[in-house]
Amino acid sequence: LLESQLTEEERALPAEAKLSRALDMLYDQNYTYLKGQVEVRIRLCRDM
């Protein structure tokens, strides 16, 4: 986890805002897209 550096802006956020941003990271459109693409690529590899 120490390899994951936080920005100064993120460090300055209050605790509740930090938690909210952490949740957003795991549920936002970019993360959902990545997860969907991983599933599709694995399925394509398996099918081939």
All heavy atoms as atom14 arrays in JSON, in Angstrom:
{
  "sequence": "LLESQLTEEERALPAEAKLSRALDMLYDQNYTYLKGQVEVRIRLCRDM",
  "atom14_mask": [
    [1, 1, 1, 1, 1, 1, 1, 1, 0, 0, 0, 0, 0, 0],
    [1, 1, 1, 1, 1, 1, 1, 1, 0, 0, 0, 0, 0, 0],
    [1, 1, 1, 1, 1, 1, 1, 1, 1, 0, 0, 0, 0, 0],
    [1, 1, 1, 1, 1, 1, 0, 0, 0, 0, 0, 0, 0, 0],
    [1, 1, 1, 1, 1, 1, 1, 1, 1, 0, 0, 0, 0, 0],
    [1, 1, 1, 1, 1, 1, 1, 1, 0, 0, 0, 0, 0, 0],
    [1, 1, 1, 1, 1, 1, 1, 0, 0, 0, 0, 0, 0, 0],
    [1, 1, 1, 1, 1, 1, 1, 1, 1, 0, 0, 0, 0, 0],
    [1, 1, 1, 1, 1, 1, 1, 1, 1, 0, 0, 0, 0, 0],
    [1, 1, 1, 1, 1, 1, 1, 1, 1, 0, 0, 0, 0, 0],
    [1, 1, 1, 1, 1, 1, 1, 1, 1, 1, 1, 0, 0, 0],
    [1, 1, 1, 1, 1, 0, 0, 0, 0, 0, 0, 0, 0, 0],
    [1, 1, 1, 1, 1, 1, 1, 1, 0, 0, 0, 0, 0, 0],
    [1, 1, 1, 1, 1, 1, 1, 0, 0, 0, 0, 0, 0, 0],
    [1, 1, 1, 1, 1, 0, 0, 0, 0, 0, 0, 0, 0, 0],
    [1, 1, 1, 1, 1, 1, 1, 1, 1, 0, 0, 0, 0, 0],
    [1, 1, 1, 1, 1, 0, 0, 0, 0, 0, 0, 0, 0, 0],
    [1, 1, 1, 1, 1, 1, 1, 1, 1, 0, 0, 0, 0, 0],
    [1, 1, 1, 1, 1, 1, 1, 1, 0, 0, 0, 0, 0, 0],
    [1, 1, 1, 1, 1, 1, 0, 0, 0, 0, 0, 0, 0, 0],
    [1, 1, 1, 1, 1, 1, 1, 1, 1, 1, 1, 0, 0, 0],
    [1, 1, 1, 1, 1, 0, 0, 0, 0, 0, 0, 0, 0, 0],
    [1, 1, 1, 1, 1, 1, 1, 1, 0, 0, 0, 0, 0, 0],
    [1, 1, 1, 1, 1, 1, 1, 1, 0, 0, 0, 0, 0, 0],
    [1, 1, 1, 1, 1, 1, 1, 1, 0, 0, 0, 0, 0, 0],
    [1, 1, 1, 1, 1, 1, 1, 1, 0, 0, 0, 0, 0, 0],
    [1, 1, 1, 1, 1, 1, 1, 1, 1, 1, 1, 1, 0, 0],
    [1, 1, 1, 1, 1, 1, 1, 1, 0, 0, 0, 0, 0, 0],
    [1, 1, 1, 1, 1, 1, 1, 1, 1, 0, 0, 0, 0, 0],
    [1, 1, 1, 1, 1, 1, 1, 1, 0, 0, 0, 0, 0, 0],
    [1, 1, 1, 1, 1, 1, 1, 1, 1, 1, 1, 1, 0, 0],
    [1, 1, 1, 1, 1, 1, 1, 0, 0, 0, 0, 0, 0, 0],
    [1, 1, 1, 1, 1, 1, 1, 1, 1, 1, 1, 1, 0, 0],
    [1, 1, 1, 1, 1, 1, 1, 1, 0, 0, 0, 0, 0, 0],
    [1, 1, 1, 1, 1, 1, 1, 1, 1, 0, 0, 0, 0, 0],
    [1, 1, 1, 1, 0, 0, 0, 0, 0, 0, 0, 0, 0, 0],
    [1, 1, 1, 1, 1, 1, 1, 1, 1, 0, 0, 0, 0, 0],
    [1, 1, 1, 1, 1, 1, 1, 0, 0, 0, 0, 0, 0, 0],
    [1, 1, 1, 1, 1, 1, 1, 1, 1, 0, 0, 0, 0, 0],
    [1, 1, 1, 1, 1, 1, 1, 0, 0, 0, 0, 0, 0, 0],
    [1, 1, 1, 1, 1, 1, 1, 1, 1, 1, 1, 0, 0, 0],
    [1, 1, 1, 1, 1, 1, 1, 1, 0, 0, 0, 0, 0, 0],
    [1, 1, 1, 1, 1, 1, 1, 1, 1, 1, 1, 0, 0, 0],
    [1, 1, 1, 1, 1, 1, 1, 1, 0, 0, 0, 0, 0, 0],
    [1, 1, 1, 1, 1, 1, 0, 0, 0, 0, 0, 0, 0, 0],
    [1, 1, 1, 1, 1, 1, 1, 1, 1, 1, 1, 0, 0, 0],
    [1, 1, 1, 1, 1, 1, 1, 1, 0, 0, 0, 0, 0, 0],
    [1, 1, 1, 1, 1, 1, 1, 1, 0, 0, 0, 0, 0, 0]
  ],
  "atom14_positions": [
    [[0.83, -1.21, 0.0], [0.0, 0.0, 0.0], [0.86, 1.26, 0.0], [0.43, 2.32, -0.46], [-0.93, 0.01, 1.21], [-2.12, -0.96, 1.16], [-3.0, -0.76, 2.37], [-2.92, -0.76, -0.12], [0.0, 0.0, 0.0], [0.0, 0.0, 0.0], [0.0, 0.0, 0.0], [0.0, 0.0, 0.0], [0.0, 0.0, 0.0], [0.0, 0.0, 0.0]],
    [[2.08, 1.15, 0.55], [2.95, 2.32, 0.59], [3.37, 2.76, -0.8], [3.79, 3.91, -1.01], [4.19, 2.02, 1.45], [3.9, 1.7, 2.92], [5.2, 1.36, 3.63], [3.18, 2.87, 3.59], [0.0, 0.0, 0.0], [0.0, 0.0, 0.0], [0.0, 0.0, 0.0], [0.0, 0.0, 0.0], [0.0, 0.0, 0.0], [0.0, 0.0, 0.0]],
    [[3.28, 1.83, -1.78], [3.62, 2.19, -3.15], [2.55, 3.08, -3.78], [2.79, 3.7, -4.81], [3.79, 0.92, -3.98], [4.9, 0.0, -3.46], [4.93, -1.33, -4.2], [4.14, -1.48, -5.17], [5.71, -2.21, -3.82], [0.0, 0.0, 0.0], [0.0, 0.0, 0.0], [0.0, 0.0, 0.0], [0.0, 0.0, 0.0], [0.0, 0.0, 0.0]],
    [[1.34, 3.08, -3.18], [0.24, 3.89, -3.72], [0.28, 5.27, -3.05], [-0.18, 5.45, -1.92], [-1.1, 3.21, -3.44], [-1.14, 1.93, -4.03], [0.0, 0.0, 0.0], [0.0, 0.0, 0.0], [0.0, 0.0, 0.0], [0.0, 0.0, 0.0], [0.0, 0.0, 0.0], [0.0, 0.0, 0.0], [0.0, 0.0, 0.0], [0.0, 0.0, 0.0]],
    [[0.89, 6.23, -3.72], [1.05, 7.57, -3.16], [-0.22, 8.4, -3.35], [-0.86, 8.36, -4.4], [2.24, 8.26, -3.84], [3.57, 7.55, -3.63], [3.99, 7.51, -2.19], [3.72, 8.47, -1.44], [4.64, 6.43, -1.77], [0.0, 0.0, 0.0], [0.0, 0.0, 0.0], [0.0, 0.0, 0.0], [0.0, 0.0, 0.0], [0.0, 0.0, 0.0]],
    [[-0.58, 9.14, -2.31], [-1.74, 10.02, -2.38], [-1.27, 11.43, -2.75], [-0.15, 11.85, -2.42], [-2.46, 10.07, -1.03], [-2.95, 8.72, -0.49], [-3.66, 8.93, 0.84], [-3.88, 8.04, -1.49], [0.0, 0.0, 0.0], [0.0, 0.0, 0.0], [0.0, 0.0, 0.0], [0.0, 0.0, 0.0], [0.0, 0.0, 0.0], [0.0, 0.0, 0.0]],
    [[-2.14, 12.16, -3.43], [-1.82, 13.54, -3.79], [-2.0, 14.44, -2.56], [-2.63, 14.06, -1.55], [-2.73, 14.02, -4.92], [-4.09, 14.04, -4.43], [-2.65, 13.09, -6.12], [0.0, 0.0, 0.0], [0.0, 0.0, 0.0], [0.0, 0.0, 0.0], [0.0, 0.0, 0.0], [0.0, 0.0, 0.0], [0.0, 0.0, 0.0], [0.0, 0.0, 0.0]],
    [[-1.42, 15.59, -2.64], [-1.57, 16.55, -1.55], [-3.04, 16.9, -1.33], [-3.49, 17.09, -0.21], [-0.75, 17.83, -1.86], [0.75, 17.63, -1.82], [1.22, 17.18, -0.45], [0.61, 17.62, 0.57], [2.18, 16.4, -0.36], [0.0, 0.0, 0.0], [0.0, 0.0, 0.0], [0.0, 0.0, 0.0], [0.0, 0.0, 0.0], [0.0, 0.0, 0.0]],
    [[-3.77, 16.99, -2.45], [-5.2, 17.29, -2.34], [-5.93, 16.2, -1.57], [-6.76, 16.49, -0.69], [-5.81, 17.43, -3.73], [-7.3, 17.68, -3.7], [-7.94, 17.52, -5.07], [-7.2, 17.3, -6.05], [-9.19, 17.59, -5.14], [0.0, 0.0, 0.0], [0.0, 0.0, 0.0], [0.0, 0.0, 0.0], [0.0, 0.0, 0.0], [0.0, 0.0, 0.0]],
    [[-5.58, 14.95, -1.87], [-6.25, 13.84, -1.17], [-5.86, 13.78, 0.29], [-6.68, 13.48, 1.16], [-5.88, 12.52, -1.86], [-6.52, 12.38, -3.23], [-5.99, 11.18, -4.0], [-4.85, 10.75, -3.71], [-6.73, 10.7, -4.89], [0.0, 0.0, 0.0], [0.0, 0.0, 0.0], [0.0, 0.0, 0.0], [0.0, 0.0, 0.0], [0.0, 0.0, 0.0]],
    [[-4.61, 14.07, 0.6], [-4.19, 14.07, 2.0], [-4.91, 15.15, 2.81], [-5.16, 14.99, 4.0], [-2.67, 14.28, 2.09], [-1.86, 13.1, 1.58], [-0.36, 13.38, 1.73], [0.44, 12.3, 1.22], [0.71, 11.17, 1.88], [0.21, 11.01, 3.1], [1.45, 10.22, 1.34], [0.0, 0.0, 0.0], [0.0, 0.0, 0.0], [0.0, 0.0, 0.0]],
    [[-5.22, 16.25, 2.13], [-5.84, 17.38, 2.84], [-7.35, 17.18, 3.05], [-7.96, 17.91, 3.8], [-5.6, 18.66, 2.05], [0.0, 0.0, 0.0], [0.0, 0.0, 0.0], [0.0, 0.0, 0.0], [0.0, 0.0, 0.0], [0.0, 0.0, 0.0], [0.0, 0.0, 0.0], [0.0, 0.0, 0.0], [0.0, 0.0, 0.0], [0.0, 0.0, 0.0]],
    [[-7.93, 16.19, 2.4], [-9.37, 15.97, 2.54], [-9.71, 15.5, 3.95], [-8.93, 14.76, 4.58], [-9.83, 14.91, 1.54], [-9.8, 15.28, 0.05], [-10.13, 14.07, -0.8], [-10.79, 16.41, -0.22], [0.0, 0.0, 0.0], [0.0, 0.0, 0.0], [0.0, 0.0, 0.0], [0.0, 0.0, 0.0], [0.0, 0.0, 0.0], [0.0, 0.0, 0.0]],
    [[-10.89, 15.9, 4.46], [-11.34, 15.35, 5.75], [-11.61, 13.85, 5.62], [-11.75, 13.32, 4.52], [-12.62, 16.13, 6.04], [-13.06, 16.66, 4.72], [-11.83, 16.88, 3.92], [0.0, 0.0, 0.0], [0.0, 0.0, 0.0], [0.0, 0.0, 0.0], [0.0, 0.0, 0.0], [0.0, 0.0, 0.0], [0.0, 0.0, 0.0], [0.0, 0.0, 0.0]],
    [[-11.69, 13.18, 6.78], [-11.83, 11.72, 6.79], [-13.03, 11.25, 5.98], [-12.94, 10.3, 5.18], [-11.93, 11.21, 8.23], [0.0, 0.0, 0.0], [0.0, 0.0, 0.0], [0.0, 0.0, 0.0], [0.0, 0.0, 0.0], [0.0, 0.0, 0.0], [0.0, 0.0, 0.0], [0.0, 0.0, 0.0], [0.0, 0.0, 0.0], [0.0, 0.0, 0.0]],
    [[-14.16, 11.9, 6.17], [-15.39, 11.47, 5.47], [-15.23, 11.63, 3.95], [-15.65, 10.76, 3.17], [-16.57, 12.3, 5.97], [-17.91, 11.83, 5.38], [-19.08, 12.58, 5.99], [-18.9, 13.27, 7.03], [-20.18, 12.46, 5.43], [0.0, 0.0, 0.0], [0.0, 0.0, 0.0], [0.0, 0.0, 0.0], [0.0, 0.0, 0.0], [0.0, 0.0, 0.0]],
    [[-14.58, 12.71, 3.53], [-14.37, 12.93, 2.09], [-13.39, 11.91, 1.52], [-13.53, 11.46, 0.38], [-13.86, 14.34, 1.85], [0.0, 0.0, 0.0], [0.0, 0.0, 0.0], [0.0, 0.0, 0.0], [0.0, 0.0, 0.0], [0.0, 0.0, 0.0], [0.0, 0.0, 0.0], [0.0, 0.0, 0.0], [0.0, 0.0, 0.0], [0.0, 0.0, 0.0]],
    [[-12.38, 11.55, 2.34], [-11.45, 10.51, 1.88], [-12.16, 9.19, 1.64], [-11.94, 8.5, 0.64], [-10.33, 10.33, 2.9], [-9.32, 11.46, 2.92], [-8.24, 11.19, 3.97], [-7.21, 12.33, 3.98], [-6.18, 12.1, 5.02], [0.0, 0.0, 0.0], [0.0, 0.0, 0.0], [0.0, 0.0, 0.0], [0.0, 0.0, 0.0], [0.0, 0.0, 0.0]],
    [[-13.02, 8.82, 2.59], [-13.78, 7.57, 2.43], [-14.68, 7.63, 1.2], [-14.81, 6.67, 0.44], [-14.62, 7.28, 3.68], [-13.87, 6.72, 4.88], [-14.81, 6.56, 6.07], [-13.24, 5.38, 4.53], [0.0, 0.0, 0.0], [0.0, 0.0, 0.0], [0.0, 0.0, 0.0], [0.0, 0.0, 0.0], [0.0, 0.0, 0.0], [0.0, 0.0, 0.0]],
    [[-15.31, 8.79, 1.02], [-16.2, 8.94, -0.14], [-15.42, 8.79, -1.44], [-15.86, 8.12, -2.38], [-16.89, 10.29, -0.07], [-17.69, 10.49, -1.22], [0.0, 0.0, 0.0], [0.0, 0.0, 0.0], [0.0, 0.0, 0.0], [0.0, 0.0, 0.0], [0.0, 0.0, 0.0], [0.0, 0.0, 0.0], [0.0, 0.0, 0.0], [0.0, 0.0, 0.0]],
    [[-14.23, 9.42, -1.49], [-13.43, 9.32, -2.72], [-12.95, 7.88, -2.94], [-12.89, 7.4, -4.07], [-12.24, 10.27, -2.66], [-11.35, 10.17, -3.9], [-10.39, 11.32, -4.02], [-11.09, 12.59, -4.27], [-10.46, 13.72, -4.59], [-9.14, 13.74, -4.72], [-11.15, 14.83, -4.78], [0.0, 0.0, 0.0], [0.0, 0.0, 0.0], [0.0, 0.0, 0.0]],
    [[-12.58, 7.2, -1.85], [-12.13, 5.8, -1.97], [-13.25, 4.94, -2.55], [-13.01, 4.08, -3.41], [-11.68, 5.26, -0.62], [0.0, 0.0, 0.0], [0.0, 0.0, 0.0], [0.0, 0.0, 0.0], [0.0, 0.0, 0.0], [0.0, 0.0, 0.0], [0.0, 0.0, 0.0], [0.0, 0.0, 0.0], [0.0, 0.0, 0.0], [0.0, 0.0, 0.0]],
    [[-14.46, 5.16, -2.07], [-15.6, 4.39, -2.6], [-15.83, 4.72, -4.07], [-16.1, 3.82, -4.89], [-16.86, 4.69, -1.79], [-16.94, 4.01, -0.42], [-18.13, 4.54, 0.36], [-17.05, 2.5, -0.57], [0.0, 0.0, 0.0], [0.0, 0.0, 0.0], [0.0, 0.0, 0.0], [0.0, 0.0, 0.0], [0.0, 0.0, 0.0], [0.0, 0.0, 0.0]],
    [[-15.72, 6.03, -4.41], [-15.92, 6.43, -5.81], [-14.92, 5.73, -6.73], [-15.25, 5.34, -7.85], [-15.78, 7.95, -5.95], [-16.96, 8.68, -5.34], [-18.02, 8.02, -5.13], [-16.85, 9.89, -5.07], [0.0, 0.0, 0.0], [0.0, 0.0, 0.0], [0.0, 0.0, 0.0], [0.0, 0.0, 0.0], [0.0, 0.0, 0.0], [0.0, 0.0, 0.0]],
    [[-13.68, 5.58, -6.25], [-12.65, 4.92, -7.08], [-13.07, 3.51, -7.48], [-12.78, 3.05, -8.59], [-11.32, 4.84, -6.32], [-10.6, 6.16, -6.16], [-9.05, 5.92, -5.26], [-8.48, 7.62, -5.16], [0.0, 0.0, 0.0], [0.0, 0.0, 0.0], [0.0, 0.0, 0.0], [0.0, 0.0, 0.0], [0.0, 0.0, 0.0], [0.0, 0.0, 0.0]],
    [[-13.72, 2.79, -6.54], [-14.06, 1.38, -6.78], [-15.42, 1.2, -7.44], [-15.82, 0.06, -7.71], [-14.02, 0.61, -5.47], [-12.66, 0.55, -4.76], [-12.74, -0.24, -3.48], [-11.59, -0.02, -5.69], [0.0, 0.0, 0.0], [0.0, 0.0, 0.0], [0.0, 0.0, 0.0], [0.0, 0.0, 0.0], [0.0, 0.0, 0.0], [0.0, 0.0, 0.0]],
    [[-16.13, 2.29, -7.65], [-17.46, 2.15, -8.25], [-17.67, 3.09, -9.44], [-18.76, 3.08, -10.04], [-18.56, 2.41, -7.22], [-18.67, 1.34, -6.17], [-18.04, 1.48, -4.95], [-19.41, 0.17, -6.4], [-18.13, 0.49, -3.98], [-19.51, -0.81, -5.45], [-18.87, -0.65, -4.23], [-18.98, -1.64, -3.28], [0.0, 0.0, 0.0], [0.0, 0.0, 0.0]],
    [[-16.66, 3.88, -9.79], [-16.88, 4.84, -10.87], [-16.85, 4.15, -12.24], [-16.59, 2.94, -12.37], [-15.86, 5.98, -10.81], [-14.43, 5.5, -11.07], [-14.25, 4.35, -11.5], [-13.49, 6.29, -10.84], [0.0, 0.0, 0.0], [0.0, 0.0, 0.0], [0.0, 0.0, 0.0], [0.0, 0.0, 0.0], [0.0, 0.0, 0.0], [0.0, 0.0, 0.0]],
    [[-17.14, 4.94, -13.25], [-17.27, 4.4, -14.62], [-15.96, 3.79, -15.13], [-15.95, 2.76, -15.78], [-17.73, 5.52, -15.56], [-18.01, 5.05, -16.99], [-18.54, 6.17, -17.85], [-18.68, 7.3, -17.41], [-18.86, 5.86, -19.08], [0.0, 0.0, 0.0], [0.0, 0.0, 0.0], [0.0, 0.0, 0.0], [0.0, 0.0, 0.0], [0.0, 0.0, 0.0]],
    [[-14.83, 4.43, -14.79], [-13.54, 3.92, -15.27], [-13.23, 2.55, -14.7], [-12.83, 1.62, -15.42], [-12.43, 4.9, -14.88], [-11.06, 4.4, -15.3], [-10.81, 4.1, -16.46], [-10.15, 4.26, -14.33], [0.0, 0.0, 0.0], [0.0, 0.0, 0.0], [0.0, 0.0, 0.0], [0.0, 0.0, 0.0], [0.0, 0.0, 0.0], [0.0, 0.0, 0.0]],
    [[-13.45, 2.41, -13.37], [-13.17, 1.12, -12.72], [-14.11, 0.04, -13.25], [-13.69, -1.09, -13.52], [-13.32, 1.27, -11.21], [-12.93, 0.03, -10.45], [-11.6, -0.24, -10.15], [-13.9, -0.87, -10.0], [-11.24, -1.37, -9.45], [-13.54, -2.01, -9.3], [-12.2, -2.25, -9.02], [-11.86, -3.39, -8.32], [0.0, 0.0, 0.0], [0.0, 0.0, 0.0]],
    [[-15.4, 0.38, -13.39], [-16.37, -0.58, -13.9], [-16.02, -1.0, -15.33], [-16.13, -2.18, -15.7], [-17.78, 0.02, -13.88], [-18.1, 0.41, -12.54], [-18.81, -1.0, -14.38], [0.0, 0.0, 0.0], [0.0, 0.0, 0.0], [0.0, 0.0, 0.0], [0.0, 0.0, 0.0], [0.0, 0.0, 0.0], [0.0, 0.0, 0.0], [0.0, 0.0, 0.0]],
    [[-15.55, -0.02, -16.12], [-15.14, -0.35, -17.49], [-13.95, -1.32, -17.5], [-13.93, -2.29, -18.26], [-14.78, 0.93, -18.23], [-14.18, 0.69, -19.59], [-14.99, 0.35, -20.69], [-12.8, 0.75, -19.8], [-14.43, 0.12, -21.94], [-12.24, 0.52, -21.04], [-13.06, 0.21, -22.11], [-12.52, -0.03, -23.34], [0.0, 0.0, 0.0], [0.0, 0.0, 0.0]],
    [[-12.96, -1.04, -16.66], [-11.79, -1.92, -16.59], [-12.19, -3.34, -16.2], [-11.74, -4.32, -16.8], [-10.77, -1.38, -15.56], [-9.97, -0.15, -15.97], [-9.11, 0.32, -14.8], [-9.1, -0.44, -17.19], [0.0, 0.0, 0.0], [0.0, 0.0, 0.0], [0.0, 0.0, 0.0], [0.0, 0.0, 0.0], [0.0, 0.0, 0.0], [0.0, 0.0, 0.0]],
    [[-13.05, -3.43, -15.18], [-13.47, -4.76, -14.73], [-14.21, -5.5, -15.84], [-13.98, -6.7, -16.07], [-14.37, -4.63, -13.5], [-14.78, -5.97, -12.91], [-15.59, -5.8, -11.64], [-15.99, -7.17, -11.08], [-16.82, -7.04, -9.87], [0.0, 0.0, 0.0], [0.0, 0.0, 0.0], [0.0, 0.0, 0.0], [0.0, 0.0, 0.0], [0.0, 0.0, 0.0]],
    [[-15.1, -4.79, -16.53], [-15.83, -5.42, -17.63], [-14.91, -5.88, -18.74], [-15.08, -6.98, -19.3], [0.0, 0.0, 0.0], [0.0, 0.0, 0.0], [0.0, 0.0, 0.0], [0.0, 0.0, 0.0], [0.0, 0.0, 0.0], [0.0, 0.0, 0.0], [0.0, 0.0, 0.0], [0.0, 0.0, 0.0], [0.0, 0.0, 0.0], [0.0, 0.0, 0.0]],
    [[-13.91, -5.05, -19.07], [-12.97, -5.42, -20.13], [-12.13, -6.64, -19.74], [-11.83, -7.5, -20.58], [-12.05, -4.25, -20.45], [-12.71, -3.16, -21.27], [-13.14, -3.67, -22.64], [-12.33, -4.19, -23.4], [-14.42, -3.54, -22.95], [0.0, 0.0, 0.0], [0.0, 0.0, 0.0], [0.0, 0.0, 0.0], [0.0, 0.0, 0.0], [0.0, 0.0, 0.0]],
    [[-11.74, -6.72, -18.47], [-10.98, -7.89, -18.01], [-11.81, -9.15, -18.19], [-11.33, -10.19, -18.67], [-10.55, -7.72, -16.54], [-10.0, -9.04, -16.0], [-9.51, -6.63, -16.42], [0.0, 0.0, 0.0], [0.0, 0.0, 0.0], [0.0, 0.0, 0.0], [0.0, 0.0, 0.0], [0.0, 0.0, 0.0], [0.0, 0.0, 0.0], [0.0, 0.0, 0.0]],
    [[-13.08, -9.09, -17.78], [-13.95, -10.26, -17.9], [-14.11, -10.67, -19.37], [-14.07, -11.85, -19.72], [-15.32, -9.97, -17.29], [-15.28, -9.79, -15.77], [-16.63, -9.38, -15.2], [-17.54, -9.1, -16.01], [-16.77, -9.31, -13.97], [0.0, 0.0, 0.0], [0.0, 0.0, 0.0], [0.0, 0.0, 0.0], [0.0, 0.0, 0.0], [0.0, 0.0, 0.0]],
    [[-14.29, -9.66, -20.25], [-14.46, -9.96, -21.68], [-13.2, -10.6, -22.24], [-13.27, -11.6, -22.97], [-14.8, -8.67, -22.45], [-14.7, -8.91, -23.96], [-16.21, -8.19, -22.09], [0.0, 0.0, 0.0], [0.0, 0.0, 0.0], [0.0, 0.0, 0.0], [0.0, 0.0, 0.0], [0.0, 0.0, 0.0], [0.0, 0.0, 0.0], [0.0, 0.0, 0.0]],
    [[-12.02, -10.05, -21.89], [-10.76, -10.59, -22.44], [-10.51, -12.02, -21.96], [-10.06, -12.87, -22.73], [-9.58, -9.7, -22.01], [-9.69, -8.26, -22.44], [-9.6, -8.08, -23.93], [-9.74, -6.67, -24.32], [-9.6, -6.22, -25.53], [-9.33, -7.07, -26.51], [-9.77, -4.94, -25.81], [0.0, 0.0, 0.0], [0.0, 0.0, 0.0], [0.0, 0.0, 0.0]],
    [[-10.82, -12.28, -20.69], [-10.62, -13.64, -20.17], [-11.56, -14.6, -20.87], [-11.2, -15.73, -21.24], [-10.84, -13.67, -18.65], [-9.7, -12.91, -17.96], [-10.91, -15.11, -18.13], [-9.87, -12.75, -16.47], [0.0, 0.0, 0.0], [0.0, 0.0, 0.0], [0.0, 0.0, 0.0], [0.0, 0.0, 0.0], [0.0, 0.0, 0.0], [0.0, 0.0, 0.0]],
    [[-12.82, -14.15, -21.07], [-13.78, -15.03, -21.74], [-13.36, -15.29, -23.19], [-13.45, -16.42, -23.68], [-15.16, -14.38, -21.71], [-16.25, -15.29, -22.31], [-17.65, -14.75, -22.05], [-17.89, -13.48, -22.69], [-17.99, -12.3, -22.07], [-17.88, -12.24, -20.76], [-18.2, -11.19, -22.75], [0.0, 0.0, 0.0], [0.0, 0.0, 0.0], [0.0, 0.0, 0.0]],
    [[-12.85, -14.25, -23.87], [-12.4, -14.45, -25.25], [-11.22, -15.41, -25.32], [-11.15, -16.29, -26.18], [-12.01, -13.11, -25.86], [-13.16, -12.15, -26.2], [-12.63, -10.8, -26.65], [-14.06, -12.75, -27.28], [0.0, 0.0, 0.0], [0.0, 0.0, 0.0], [0.0, 0.0, 0.0], [0.0, 0.0, 0.0], [0.0, 0.0, 0.0], [0.0, 0.0, 0.0]],
    [[-10.28, -15.25, -24.39], [-9.13, -16.17, -24.35], [-9.6, -17.59, -24.1], [-9.15, -18.53, -24.76], [-8.16, -15.71, -23.25], [-6.79, -16.85, -22.99], [0.0, 0.0, 0.0], [0.0, 0.0, 0.0], [0.0, 0.0, 0.0], [0.0, 0.0, 0.0], [0.0, 0.0, 0.0], [0.0, 0.0, 0.0], [0.0, 0.0, 0.0], [0.0, 0.0, 0.0]],
    [[-10.51, -17.75, -23.14], [-11.02, -19.1, -22.84], [-11.73, -19.69, -24.04], [-11.54, -20.86, -24.36], [-11.98, -19.03, -21.65], [-12.5, -20.4, -21.19], [-13.69, -20.23, -20.28], [-14.8, -19.65, -21.02], [-15.79, -18.96, -20.47], [-15.82, -18.76, -19.17], [-16.76, -18.47, -21.2], [0.0, 0.0, 0.0], [0.0, 0.0, 0.0], [0.0, 0.0, 0.0]],
    [[-12.53, -18.87, -24.71], [-13.28, -19.38, -25.87], [-12.34, -19.79, -27.0], [-12.56, -20.81, -27.67], [-14.27, -18.32, -26.36], [-15.42, -18.1, -25.39], [-15.58, -18.95, -24.49], [-16.13, -17.1, -25.52], [0.0, 0.0, 0.0], [0.0, 0.0, 0.0], [0.0, 0.0, 0.0], [0.0, 0.0, 0.0], [0.0, 0.0, 0.0], [0.0, 0.0, 0.0]],
    [[-11.28, -18.98, -27.23], [-10.33, -19.33, -28.28], [-9.59, -20.62, -27.96], [-9.39, -21.49, -28.82], [-9.34, -18.17, -28.47], [-9.97, -16.9, -29.05], [-8.83, -15.5, -29.03], [-7.68, -16.0, -30.31], [0.0, 0.0, 0.0], [0.0, 0.0, 0.0], [0.0, 0.0, 0.0], [0.0, 0.0, 0.0], [0.0, 0.0, 0.0], [0.0, 0.0, 0.0]]
  ]
}
